[in-house]
Amino acid sequence: MSFVESLTNVGIGYGVAVATQLAVYPMFNFTVSIGENLSIALIFTCVSIIRSYVLRRTFEWLRIVKE
């Protein structure tokens, strides 16, 4: 179930990123195609996954060192 939770979290995060970009980019007069928008969201999603992994491993390492 942890894997399903992770996939769900990533999928929802990707959808939120795309929707946010569709709403925000026009406010700054950024014009991107839907393909570019999807690609940008994918890049940010990958960065988010890496960030979450690094933080999780760091906190796990800190927990082990404290023991």
Protein backbone atom coordinates (compact mmCIF):
# COMPACT_ATOMS: atom_id res chain seq x y z
CA MET A 1 0.00 0.00 0.00
CA SER A 2 2.96 2.35 0.55
CA PHE A 3 3.82 2.04 -3.13
CA VAL A 4 0.22 2.79 -4.14
CA GLU A 5 0.24 5.79 -1.78
CA SER A 6 3.46 7.06 -3.36
CA LEU A 7 2.11 6.66 -6.89
CA THR A 8 -1.10 8.42 -5.93
CA ASN A 9 0.83 11.26 -4.31
CA VAL A 10 3.02 11.71 -7.40
CA GLY A 11 0.05 11.53 -9.77
CA ILE A 12 -1.96 14.09 -7.82
CA GLY A 13 1.11 16.31 -7.48
CA TYR A 14 1.64 16.20 -11.25
CA GLY A 15 -2.00 17.12 -11.88
CA VAL A 16 -1.83 19.98 -9.38
CA ALA A 17 1.38 21.24 -11.02
CA VAL A 18 -0.20 21.23 -14.49
CA ALA A 19 -3.37 22.95 -13.26
CA THR A 20 -1.36 25.56 -11.34
CA GLN A 21 0.80 26.32 -14.35
CA LEU A 22 -2.28 26.69 -16.55
CA ALA A 23 -3.64 29.23 -14.07
CA VAL A 24 -0.41 31.09 -13.20
CA TYR A 25 1.53 31.34 -16.47
CA PRO A 26 -1.03 33.64 -18.13
CA MET A 27 -0.78 36.02 -15.14
CA PHE A 28 2.87 36.54 -16.06
CA ASN A 29 2.23 36.57 -19.82
CA PHE A 30 4.06 33.26 -20.29
CA THR A 31 2.81 31.44 -23.35
CA VAL A 32 3.55 27.72 -23.48
CA SER A 33 1.95 24.89 -25.39
CA ILE A 34 0.18 22.12 -23.53
CA GLY A 35 3.09 19.82 -24.39
CA GLU A 36 5.58 22.27 -22.90
CA ASN A 37 3.33 22.67 -19.86
CA LEU A 38 3.21 18.90 -19.34
CA SER A 39 7.00 18.65 -19.75
CA ILE A 40 7.69 21.45 -17.27
CA ALA A 41 5.34 19.82 -14.74
CA LEU A 42 7.13 16.49 -15.26
CA ILE A 43 10.51 18.10 -14.56
CA PHE A 44 9.23 19.69 -11.35
CA THR A 45 7.61 16.39 -10.34
CA CYS A 46 10.91 14.55 -10.79
CA VAL A 47 12.73 17.20 -8.74
CA SER A 48 10.08 16.83 -6.03
CA ILE A 49 10.49 13.04 -5.95
CA ILE A 50 14.27 13.38 -5.62
CA ARG A 51 13.89 16.03 -2.90
CA SER A 52 11.49 13.85 -0.93
CA TYR A 53 13.78 10.84 -1.23
CA VAL A 54 16.86 12.77 -0.09
CA LEU A 55 15.00 14.26 2.88
CA ARG A 56 13.58 10.88 3.88
CA ARG A 57 17.02 9.23 3.71
CA THR A 58 18.60 12.15 5.62
CA PHE A 59 16.08 11.97 8.43
CA GLU A 60 16.43 8.19 8.56
CA TRP A 61 20.22 8.58 8.80
CA LEU A 62 19.80 11.17 11.59
CA ARG A 63 17.50 8.79 13.46
CA ILE A 64 20.04 5.97 13.23
CA VAL A 65 22.94 8.22 14.29
CA LYS A 66 20.97 9.42 17.34
CA GLU A 67 20.44 5.88 18.62
